[in-house]
Amino acid sequence: MNRYKKNDILTDEFNRPKYATSDLCSQIYYACERGEIPFDEIEFKQGDRLDHLSGKYYGNGLDWWMIAAASGISWWLQINENTRIKIPNQEVLKARFNL
């Protein structure tokens, strides 16, 4: 039995987003695939990190999980160089999923 609610975002002790449940991540991935959420696409380079990309595109490193979800990345430490990474439009993403 899944102890997390559908579309739940789990937070740390300071109420900052820590990660989203797999159901929400799947919904984000498929919404990007269907073109319902606009995104930019970049090539992952050696030395890149999702939290740094989140800081660059969103102004904070805490929303790295949105990039991972949109890109279909389940384990961020195993991203190969030259992998295509989707950077979803954060305003559209937040409005669509009430984040």
PDB file of N, CA and C in Angstrom:
ATOM      1  N   MET A   1       0.844  -1.179   0.000  1.00  0.00           N
ATOM      2  CA  MET A   1       0.000   0.000   0.000  1.00  0.00           C
ATOM      3  C   MET A   1       0.888   1.241   0.000  1.00  0.00           C
ATOM      4  N   ASN A   2       0.577   2.186  -0.885  1.00  0.00           N
ATOM      5  CA  ASN A   2       1.350   3.414  -0.982  1.00  0.00           C
ATOM      6  C   ASN A   2       0.947   4.342   0.156  1.00  0.00           C
ATOM      7  N   ARG A   3       1.917   4.749   0.948  1.00  0.00           N
ATOM      8  CA  ARG A   3       1.603   5.621   2.078  1.00  0.00           C
ATOM      9  C   ARG A   3       1.503   7.087   1.679  1.00  0.00           C
ATOM     10  N   TYR A   4       1.843   7.399   0.435  1.00  0.00           N
ATOM     11  CA  TYR A   4       1.789   8.779  -0.025  1.00  0.00           C
ATOM     12  C   TYR A   4       0.516   9.028  -0.817  1.00  0.00           C
ATOM     13  N   LYS A   5       0.004  10.229  -0.665  1.00  0.00           N
ATOM     14  CA  LYS A   5      -1.182  10.601  -1.424  1.00  0.00           C
ATOM     15  C   LYS A   5      -0.794  10.859  -2.869  1.00  0.00           C
ATOM     16  N   LYS A   6      -1.743  10.687  -3.751  1.00  0.00           N
ATOM     17  CA  LYS A   6      -1.529  10.992  -5.155  1.00  0.00           C
ATOM     18  C   LYS A   6      -1.170  12.476  -5.282  1.00  0.00           C
ATOM     19  N   ASN A   7      -0.192  12.765  -6.135  1.00  0.00           N
ATOM     20  CA  ASN A   7       0.267  14.129  -6.391  1.00  0.00           C
ATOM     21  C   ASN A   7       0.827  14.811  -5.145  1.00  0.00           C
ATOM     22  N   ASP A   8       1.438  14.063  -4.275  1.00  0.00           N
ATOM     23  CA  ASP A   8       1.975  14.624  -3.054  1.00  0.00           C
ATOM     24  C   ASP A   8       3.410  15.087  -3.270  1.00  0.00           C
ATOM     25  N   ILE A   9       3.759  16.198  -2.636  1.00  0.00           N
ATOM     26  CA  ILE A   9       5.140  16.660  -2.607  1.00  0.00           C
ATOM     27  C   ILE A   9       5.589  16.565  -1.170  1.00  0.00           C
ATOM     28  N   LEU A  10       6.612  15.784  -0.931  1.00  0.00           N
ATOM     29  CA  LEU A  10       7.113  15.602   0.417  1.00  0.00           C
ATOM     30  C   LEU A  10       8.105  16.715   0.737  1.00  0.00           C
ATOM     31  N   THR A  11       8.046  17.221   1.952  1.00  0.00           N
ATOM     32  CA  THR A  11       8.891  18.347   2.334  1.00  0.00           C
ATOM     33  C   THR A  11       9.830  17.958   3.467  1.00  0.00           C
ATOM     34  N   ASP A  12      10.880  18.781   3.640  1.00  0.00           N
ATOM     35  CA  ASP A  12      11.804  18.565   4.736  1.00  0.00           C
ATOM     36  C   ASP A  12      11.279  19.283   5.981  1.00  0.00           C
ATOM     37  N   GLU A  13      12.099  19.341   7.023  1.00  0.00           N
ATOM     38  CA  GLU A  13      11.647  19.931   8.280  1.00  0.00           C
ATOM     39  C   GLU A  13      11.404  21.436   8.185  1.00  0.00           C
ATOM     40  N   PHE A  14      11.891  22.078   7.114  1.00  0.00           N
ATOM     41  CA  PHE A  14      11.672  23.509   6.919  1.00  0.00           C
ATOM     42  C   PHE A  14      10.568  23.786   5.898  1.00  0.00           C
ATOM     43  N   ASN A  15       9.811  22.755   5.562  1.00  0.00           N
ATOM     44  CA  ASN A  15       8.703  22.821   4.607  1.00  0.00           C
ATOM     45  C   ASN A  15       9.173  23.168   3.191  1.00  0.00           C
ATOM     46  N   ARG A  16      10.419  22.813   2.869  1.00  0.00           N
ATOM     47  CA  ARG A  16      10.935  22.978   1.513  1.00  0.00           C
ATOM     48  C   ARG A  16      10.686  21.678   0.760  1.00  0.00           C
ATOM     49  N   PRO A  17      10.358  21.762  -0.529  1.00  0.00           N
ATOM     50  CA  PRO A  17      10.126  20.524  -1.294  1.00  0.00           C
ATOM     51  C   PRO A  17      11.362  19.642  -1.291  1.00  0.00           C
ATOM     52  N   LYS A  18      11.166  18.371  -0.971  1.00  0.00           N
ATOM     53  CA  LYS A  18      12.270  17.421  -0.972  1.00  0.00           C
ATOM     54  C   LYS A  18      12.185  16.550  -2.215  1.00  0.00           C
ATOM     55  N   TYR A  19      11.054  15.972  -2.462  1.00  0.00           N
ATOM     56  CA  TYR A  19      10.833  15.212  -3.694  1.00  0.00           C
ATOM     57  C   TYR A  19       9.346  14.948  -3.845  1.00  0.00           C
ATOM     58  N   ALA A  20       8.966  14.596  -5.048  1.00  0.00           N
ATOM     59  CA  ALA A  20       7.560  14.322  -5.337  1.00  0.00           C
ATOM     60  C   ALA A  20       7.350  12.826  -5.445  1.00  0.00           C
ATOM     61  N   THR A  21       6.139  12.393  -5.214  1.00  0.00           N
ATOM     62  CA  THR A  21       5.834  10.970  -5.350  1.00  0.00           C
ATOM     63  C   THR A  21       5.900  10.577  -6.814  1.00  0.00           C
ATOM     64  N   SER A  22       6.082   9.308  -7.060  1.00  0.00           N
ATOM     65  CA  SER A  22       6.256   8.837  -8.432  1.00  0.00           C
ATOM     66  C   SER A  22       5.030   9.101  -9.299  1.00  0.00           C
ATOM     67  N   ASP A  23       3.847   9.124  -8.715  1.00  0.00           N
ATOM     68  CA  ASP A  23       2.646   9.390  -9.495  1.00  0.00           C
ATOM     69  C   ASP A  23       2.690  10.802 -10.081  1.00  0.00           C
ATOM     70  N   LEU A  24       3.058  11.777  -9.279  1.00  0.00           N
ATOM     71  CA  LEU A  24       3.155  13.152  -9.759  1.00  0.00           C
ATOM     72  C   LEU A  24       4.256  13.262 -10.808  1.00  0.00           C
ATOM     73  N   CYS A  25       5.381  12.638 -10.585  1.00  0.00           N
ATOM     74  CA  CYS A  25       6.480  12.683 -11.552  1.00  0.00           C
ATOM     75  C   CYS A  25       6.055  12.079 -12.886  1.00  0.00           C
ATOM     76  N   SER A  26       5.331  10.992 -12.851  1.00  0.00           N
ATOM     77  CA  SER A  26       4.837  10.377 -14.088  1.00  0.00           C
ATOM     78  C   SER A  26       3.885  11.310 -14.818  1.00  0.00           C
ATOM     79  N   GLN A  27       3.011  11.976 -14.081  1.00  0.00           N
ATOM     80  CA  GLN A  27       2.080  12.908 -14.702  1.00  0.00           C
ATOM     81  C   GLN A  27       2.816  14.070 -15.364  1.00  0.00           C
ATOM     82  N   ILE A  28       3.848  14.565 -14.719  1.00  0.00           N
ATOM     83  CA  ILE A  28       4.646  15.656 -15.293  1.00  0.00           C
ATOM     84  C   ILE A  28       5.339  15.177 -16.562  1.00  0.00           C
ATOM     85  N   TYR A  29       5.934  13.991 -16.514  1.00  0.00           N
ATOM     86  CA  TYR A  29       6.630  13.440 -17.681  1.00  0.00           C
ATOM     87  C   TYR A  29       5.685  13.321 -18.878  1.00  0.00           C
ATOM     88  N   TYR A  30       4.534  12.702 -18.672  1.00  0.00           N
ATOM     89  CA  TYR A  30       3.604  12.484 -19.776  1.00  0.00           C
ATOM     90  C   TYR A  30       2.973  13.790 -20.273  1.00  0.00           C
ATOM     91  N   ALA A  31       2.760  14.762 -19.381  1.00  0.00           N
ATOM     92  CA  ALA A  31       2.242  16.062 -19.815  1.00  0.00           C
ATOM     93  C   ALA A  31       3.248  16.762 -20.725  1.00  0.00           C
ATOM     94  N   CYS A  32       4.528  16.632 -20.429  1.00  0.00           N
ATOM     95  CA  CYS A  32       5.568  17.193 -21.311  1.00  0.00           C
ATOM     96  C   CYS A  32       5.601  16.435 -22.630  1.00  0.00           C
ATOM     97  N   GLU A  33       5.504  15.126 -22.572  1.00  0.00           N
ATOM     98  CA  GLU A  33       5.524  14.307 -23.788  1.00  0.00           C
ATOM     99  C   GLU A  33       4.358  14.640 -24.712  1.00  0.00           C
ATOM    100  N   ARG A  34       3.210  14.946 -24.136  1.00  0.00           N
ATOM    101  CA  ARG A  34       2.019  15.275 -24.931  1.00  0.00           C
ATOM    102  C   ARG A  34       2.002  16.732 -25.384  1.00  0.00           C
ATOM    103  N   GLY A  35       2.993  17.517 -24.959  1.00  0.00           N
ATOM    104  CA  GLY A  35       3.053  18.918 -25.340  1.00  0.00           C
ATOM    105  C   GLY A  35       2.165  19.818 -24.513  1.00  0.00           C
ATOM    106  N   GLU A  36       1.677  19.343 -23.388  1.00  0.00           N
ATOM    107  CA  GLU A  36       0.791  20.130 -22.537  1.00  0.00           C
ATOM    108  C   GLU A  36       1.560  21.102 -21.643  1.00  0.00           C
ATOM    109  N   ILE A  37       2.826  20.834 -21.433  1.00  0.00           N
ATOM    110  CA  ILE A  37       3.696  21.727 -20.669  1.00  0.00           C
ATOM    111  C   ILE A  37       4.872  22.076 -21.574  1.00  0.00           C
ATOM    112  N   PRO A  38       5.033  23.351 -21.910  1.00  0.00           N
ATOM    113  CA  PRO A  38       6.168  23.728 -22.752  1.00  0.00           C
ATOM    114  C   PRO A  38       7.484  23.533 -21.997  1.00  0.00           C
ATOM    115  N   PHE A  39       8.532  23.243 -22.738  1.00  0.00           N
ATOM    116  CA  PHE A  39       9.834  23.036 -22.109  1.00  0.00           C
ATOM    117  C   PHE A  39      10.943  23.421 -23.081  1.00  0.00           C
ATOM    118  N   ASP A  40      12.087  23.758 -22.507  1.00  0.00           N
ATOM    119  CA  ASP A  40      13.315  23.916 -23.268  1.00  0.00           C
ATOM    120  C   ASP A  40      14.062  22.605 -23.142  1.00  0.00           C
ATOM    121  N   GLU A  41      14.876  22.303 -24.108  1.00  0.00           N
ATOM    122  CA  GLU A  41      15.654  21.072 -24.050  1.00  0.00           C
ATOM    123  C   GLU A  41      17.127  21.430 -24.172  1.00  0.00           C
ATOM    124  N   ILE A  42      17.929  20.877 -23.282  1.00  0.00           N
ATOM    125  CA  ILE A  42      19.363  21.120 -23.302  1.00  0.00           C
ATOM    126  C   ILE A  42      20.096  19.785 -23.307  1.00  0.00           C
ATOM    127  N   GLU A  43      21.360  19.842 -23.597  1.00  0.00           N
ATOM    128  CA  GLU A  43      22.199  18.645 -23.557  1.00  0.00           C
ATOM    129  C   GLU A  43      22.984  18.653 -22.250  1.00  0.00           C
ATOM    130  N   PHE A  44      22.872  17.577 -21.511  1.00  0.00           N
ATOM    131  CA  PHE A  44      23.571  17.439 -20.234  1.00  0.00           C
ATOM    132  C   PHE A  44      25.060  17.283 -20.509  1.00  0.00           C
ATOM    133  N   LYS A  45      25.852  18.122 -19.871  1.00  0.00           N
ATOM    134  CA  LYS A  45      27.300  18.094 -20.082  1.00  0.00           C
ATOM    135  C   LYS A  45      28.016  17.592 -18.839  1.00  0.00           C
ATOM    136  N   GLN A  46      29.232  17.167 -19.019  1.00  0.00           N
ATOM    137  CA  GLN A  46      30.036  16.710 -17.882  1.00  0.00           C
ATOM    138  C   GLN A  46      30.130  17.840 -16.860  1.00  0.00           C
ATOM    139  N   GLY A  47      29.894  17.525 -15.618  1.00  0.00           N
ATOM    140  CA  GLY A  47      29.929  18.505 -14.542  1.00  0.00           C
ATOM    141  C   GLY A  47      28.584  19.144 -14.244  1.00  0.00           C
ATOM    142  N   ASP A  48      27.592  18.955 -15.116  1.00  0.00           N
ATOM    143  CA  ASP A  48      26.249  19.488 -14.846  1.00  0.00           C
ATOM    144  C   ASP A  48      25.625  18.757 -13.674  1.00  0.00           C
ATOM    145  N   ARG A  49      24.771  19.469 -12.953  1.00  0.00           N
ATOM    146  CA  ARG A  49      23.986  18.875 -11.873  1.00  0.00           C
ATOM    147  C   ARG A  49      22.577  19.429 -11.972  1.00  0.00           C
ATOM    148  N   LEU A  50      21.591  18.599 -11.650  1.00  0.00           N
ATOM    149  CA  LEU A  50      20.205  19.044 -11.752  1.00  0.00           C
ATOM    150  C   LEU A  50      19.902  20.205 -10.820  1.00  0.00           C
ATOM    151  N   ASP A  51      20.477  20.210  -9.624  1.00  0.00           N
ATOM    152  CA  ASP A  51      20.205  21.328  -8.718  1.00  0.00           C
ATOM    153  C   ASP A  51      20.812  22.625  -9.250  1.00  0.00           C
ATOM    154  N   HIS A  52      21.944  22.540  -9.933  1.00  0.00           N
ATOM    155  CA  HIS A  52      22.524  23.740 -10.538  1.00  0.00           C
ATOM    156  C   HIS A  52      21.687  24.223 -11.722  1.00  0.00           C
ATOM    157  N   LEU A  53      21.200  23.280 -12.531  1.00  0.00           N
ATOM    158  CA  LEU A  53      20.317  23.659 -13.644  1.00  0.00           C
ATOM    159  C   LEU A  53      19.035  24.297 -13.125  1.00  0.00           C
ATOM    160  N   SER A  54      18.493  23.753 -12.039  1.00  0.00           N
ATOM    161  CA  SER A  54      17.303  24.323 -11.424  1.00  0.00           C
ATOM    162  C   SER A  54      17.583  25.751 -10.941  1.00  0.00           C
ATOM    163  N   GLY A  55      18.735  25.964 -10.340  1.00  0.00           N
ATOM    164  CA  GLY A  55      19.119  27.306  -9.907  1.00  0.00           C
ATOM    165  C   GLY A  55      19.230  28.268 -11.074  1.00  0.00           C
ATOM    166  N   LYS A  56      19.804  27.797 -12.165  1.00  0.00           N
ATOM    167  CA  LYS A  56      19.983  28.634 -13.352  1.00  0.00           C
ATOM    168  C   LYS A  56      18.649  28.999 -14.004  1.00  0.00           C
ATOM    169  N   TYR A  57      17.762  28.016 -14.164  1.00  0.00           N
ATOM    170  CA  TYR A  57      16.511  28.240 -14.886  1.00  0.00           C
ATOM    171  C   TYR A  57      15.356  28.701 -13.996  1.00  0.00           C
ATOM    172  N   TYR A  58      15.349  28.299 -12.724  1.00  0.00           N
ATOM    173  CA  TYR A  58      14.228  28.618 -11.844  1.00  0.00           C
ATOM    174  C   TYR A  58      14.584  29.586 -10.708  1.00  0.00           C
ATOM    175  N   GLY A  59      15.862  29.861 -10.527  1.00  0.00           N
ATOM    176  CA  GLY A  59      16.262  30.766  -9.461  1.00  0.00           C
ATOM    177  C   GLY A  59      16.497  30.094  -8.125  1.00  0.00           C
ATOM    178  N   ASN A  60      16.320  28.782  -8.069  1.00  0.00           N
ATOM    179  CA  ASN A  60      16.635  28.033  -6.842  1.00  0.00           C
ATOM    180  C   ASN A  60      16.951  26.586  -7.214  1.00  0.00           C
ATOM    181  N   GLY A  61      17.746  25.951  -6.394  1.00  0.00           N
ATOM    182  CA  GLY A  61      18.146  24.569  -6.663  1.00  0.00           C
ATOM    183  C   GLY A  61      17.193  23.524  -6.129  1.00  0.00           C
ATOM    184  N   LEU A  62      16.148  23.950  -5.435  1.00  0.00           N
ATOM    185  CA  LEU A  62      15.245  23.000  -4.787  1.00  0.00           C
ATOM    186  C   LEU A  62      14.270  22.327  -5.750  1.00  0.00           C
ATOM    187  N   ASP A  63      14.062  22.922  -6.915  1.00  0.00           N
ATOM    188  CA  ASP A  63      13.084  22.375  -7.857  1.00  0.00           C
ATOM    189  C   ASP A  63      13.716  21.471  -8.912  1.00  0.00           C
ATOM    190  N   TRP A  64      14.863  20.895  -8.590  1.00  0.00           N
ATOM    191  CA  TRP A  64      15.557  19.985  -9.507  1.00  0.00           C
ATOM    192  C   TRP A  64      14.675  18.803  -9.881  1.00  0.00           C
ATOM    193  N   TRP A  65      13.813  18.394  -8.962  1.00  0.00           N
ATOM    194  CA  TRP A  65      12.973  17.222  -9.202  1.00  0.00           C
ATOM    195  C   TRP A  65      11.996  17.458 -10.358  1.00  0.00           C
ATOM    196  N   MET A  66      11.616  18.717 -10.626  1.00  0.00           N
ATOM    197  CA  MET A  66      10.733  19.020 -11.745  1.00  0.00           C
ATOM    198  C   MET A  66      11.435  18.720 -13.074  1.00  0.00           C
ATOM    199  N   ILE A  67      12.712  19.051 -13.136  1.00  0.00           N
ATOM    200  CA  ILE A  67      13.516  18.764 -14.331  1.00  0.00           C
ATOM    201  C   ILE A  67      13.674  17.260 -14.493  1.00  0.00           C
ATOM    202  N   ALA A  68      13.950  16.577 -13.379  1.00  0.00           N
ATOM    203  CA  ALA A  68      14.100  15.116 -13.424  1.00  0.00           C
ATOM    204  C   ALA A  68      12.804  14.454 -13.881  1.00  0.00           C
ATOM    205  N   ALA A  69      11.674  14.914 -13.340  1.00  0.00           N
ATOM    206  CA  ALA A  69      10.382  14.324 -13.705  1.00  0.00           C
ATOM    207  C   ALA A  69      10.080  14.548 -15.181  1.00  0.00           C
ATOM    208  N   ALA A  70      10.267  15.757 -15.670  1.00  0.00           N
ATOM    209  CA  ALA A  70       9.981  16.066 -17.067  1.00  0.00           C
ATOM    210  C   ALA A  70      10.878  15.281 -18.017  1.00  0.00           C
ATOM    211  N   SER A  71      12.091  14.991 -17.570  1.00  0.00           N
ATOM    212  CA  SER A  71      13.069  14.296 -18.410  1.00  0.00           C
ATOM    213  C   SER A  71      13.008  12.782 -18.274  1.00  0.00           C
ATOM    214  N   GLY A  72      12.179  12.281 -17.353  1.00  0.00           N
ATOM    215  CA  GLY A  72      12.082  10.837 -17.149  1.00  0.00           C
ATOM    216  C   GLY A  72      13.289  10.262 -16.443  1.00  0.00           C
ATOM    217  N   ILE A  73      13.918  11.077 -15.592  1.00  0.00           N
ATOM    218  CA  ILE A  73      15.112  10.642 -14.861  1.00  0.00           C
ATOM    219  C   ILE A  73      14.680  10.139 -13.491  1.00  0.00           C
ATOM    220  N   SER A  74      14.990   8.894 -13.219  1.00  0.00           N
ATOM    221  CA  SER A  74      14.592   8.350 -11.926  1.00  0.00           C
ATOM    222  C   SER A  74      15.727   8.408 -10.903  1.00  0.00           C
ATOM    223  N   TRP A  75      16.946   8.393 -11.343  1.00  0.00           N
ATOM    224  CA  TRP A  75      18.088   8.439 -10.417  1.00  0.00           C
ATOM    225  C   TRP A  75      19.071   9.446 -10.975  1.00  0.00           C
ATOM    226  N   TRP A  76      19.112  10.632 -10.389  1.00  0.00           N
ATOM    227  CA  TRP A  76      19.854  11.756 -10.954  1.00  0.00           C
ATOM    228  C   TRP A  76      21.354  11.536 -11.004  1.00  0.00           C
ATOM    229  N   LEU A  77      21.890  10.606 -10.253  1.00  0.00           N
ATOM    230  CA  LEU A  77      23.336  10.367 -10.286  1.00  0.00           C
ATOM    231  C   LEU A  77      23.766   9.558 -11.507  1.00  0.00           C
ATOM    232  N   GLN A  78      22.808   9.030 -12.244  1.00  0.00           N
ATOM    233  CA  GLN A  78      23.145   8.189 -13.383  1.00  0.00           C
ATOM    234  C   GLN A  78      22.807   8.845 -14.713  1.00  0.00           C
ATOM    235  N   ILE A  79      22.951  10.158 -14.799  1.00  0.00           N
ATOM    236  CA  ILE A  79      22.694  10.853 -16.054  1.00  0.00           C
ATOM    237  C   ILE A  79      23.982  10.855 -16.859  1.00  0.00           C
ATOM    238  N   ASN A  80      23.905  10.330 -18.056  1.00  0.00           N
ATOM    239  CA  ASN A  80      25.075  10.298 -18.925  1.00  0.00           C
ATOM    240  C   ASN A  80      25.258  11.634 -19.632  1.00  0.00           C
ATOM    241  N   GLU A  81      26.499  11.950 -19.912  1.00  0.00           N
ATOM    242  CA  GLU A  81      26.810  13.130 -20.706  1.00  0.00           C
ATOM    243  C   GLU A  81      26.095  13.014 -22.054  1.00  0.00           C
ATOM    244  N   ASN A  82      25.646  14.126 -22.594  1.00  0.00           N
ATOM    245  CA  ASN A  82      24.926  14.228 -23.872  1.00  0.00           C
ATOM    246  C   ASN A  82      23.469  13.775 -23.796  1.00  0.00           C
ATOM    247  N   THR A  83      22.972  13.455 -22.609  1.00  0.00           N
ATOM    248  CA  THR A  83      21.555  13.133 -22.439  1.00  0.00           C
ATOM    249  C   THR A  83      20.749  14.410 -22.640  1.00  0.00           C
ATOM    250  N   ARG A  84      19.628  14.299 -23.344  1.00  0.00           N
ATOM    251  CA  ARG A  84      18.749  15.450 -23.552  1.00  0.00           C
ATOM    252  C   ARG A  84      17.899  15.642 -22.293  1.00  0.00           C
ATOM    253  N   ILE A  85      17.950  16.833 -21.730  1.00  0.00           N
ATOM    254  CA  ILE A  85      17.251  17.173 -20.491  1.00  0.00           C
ATOM    255  C   ILE A  85      16.162  18.193 -20.816  1.00  0.00           C
ATOM    256  N   LYS A  86      14.967  17.955 -20.297  1.00  0.00           N
ATOM    257  CA  LYS A  86      13.846  18.884 -20.490  1.00  0.00           C
ATOM    258  C   LYS A  86      13.746  19.821 -19.286  1.00  0.00           C
ATOM    259  N   ILE A  87      13.671  21.103 -19.580  1.00  0.00           N
ATOM    260  CA  ILE A  87      13.472  22.122 -18.546  1.00  0.00           C
ATOM    261  C   ILE A  87      12.049  22.646 -18.729  1.00  0.00           C
ATOM    262  N   PRO A  88      11.082  22.116 -17.955  1.00  0.00           N
ATOM    263  CA  PRO A  88       9.689  22.538 -18.150  1.00  0.00           C
ATOM    264  C   PRO A  88       9.462  23.976 -17.698  1.00  0.00           C
ATOM    265  N   ASN A  89       8.519  24.634 -18.350  1.00  0.00           N
ATOM    266  CA  ASN A  89       8.133  25.975 -17.952  1.00  0.00           C
ATOM    267  C   ASN A  89       7.542  25.890 -16.542  1.00  0.00           C
ATOM    268  N   GLN A  90       8.209  26.523 -15.604  1.00  0.00           N
ATOM    269  CA  GLN A  90       7.841  26.369 -14.200  1.00  0.00           C
ATOM    270  C   GLN A  90       6.466  26.938 -13.877  1.00  0.00           C
ATOM    271  N   GLU A  91       6.108  28.088 -14.472  1.00  0.00           N
ATOM    272  CA  GLU A  91       4.797  28.678 -14.172  1.00  0.00           C
ATOM    273  C   GLU A  91       3.661  27.777 -14.645  1.00  0.00           C
ATOM    274  N   VAL A  92       3.795  27.243 -15.865  1.00  0.00           N
ATOM    275  CA  VAL A  92       2.767  26.353 -16.401  1.00  0.00           C
ATOM    276  C   VAL A  92       2.692  25.078 -15.569  1.00  0.00           C
ATOM    277  N   LEU A  93       3.849  24.527 -15.219  1.00  0.00           N
ATOM    278  CA  LEU A  93       3.910  23.305 -14.413  1.00  0.00           C
ATOM    279  C   LEU A  93       3.231  23.504 -13.061  1.00  0.00           C
ATOM    280  N   LYS A  94       3.560  24.592 -12.390  1.00  0.00           N
ATOM    281  CA  LYS A  94       2.984  24.848 -11.063  1.00  0.00           C
ATOM    282  C   LYS A  94       1.477  25.094 -11.147  1.00  0.00           C
ATOM    283  N   ALA A  95       1.043  25.813 -12.166  1.00  0.00           N
ATOM    284  CA  ALA A  95      -0.388  26.080 -12.312  1.00  0.00           C
ATOM    285  C   ALA A  95      -1.151  24.785 -12.634  1.00  0.00           C
ATOM    286  N   ARG A  96      -0.602  23.973 -13.507  1.00  0.00           N
ATOM    287  CA  ARG A  96      -1.288  22.747 -13.917  1.00  0.00           C
ATOM    288  C   ARG A  96      -1.449  21.762 -12.761  1.00  0.00           C
ATOM    289  N   PHE A  97      -0.421  21.655 -11.925  1.00  0.00           N
ATOM    290  CA  PHE A  97      -0.447  20.650 -10.845  1.00  0.00           C
ATOM    291  C   PHE A  97      -0.635  21.275  -9.457  1.00  0.00           C
ATOM    292  N   ASN A  98      -1.018  22.531  -9.402  1.00  0.00           N
ATOM    293  CA  ASN A  98      -1.265  23.218  -8.123  1.00  0.00           C
ATOM    294  C   ASN A  98      -0.102  23.076  -7.157  1.00  0.00           C
ATOM    295  N   LEU A  99       1.090  23.351  -7.638  1.00  0.00           N
ATOM    296  CA  LEU A  99       2.295  23.223  -6.801  1.00  0.00           C
ATOM    297  C   LEU A  99       2.606  24.528  -6.106  1.00  0.00           C
TER     298      LEU A  99
END
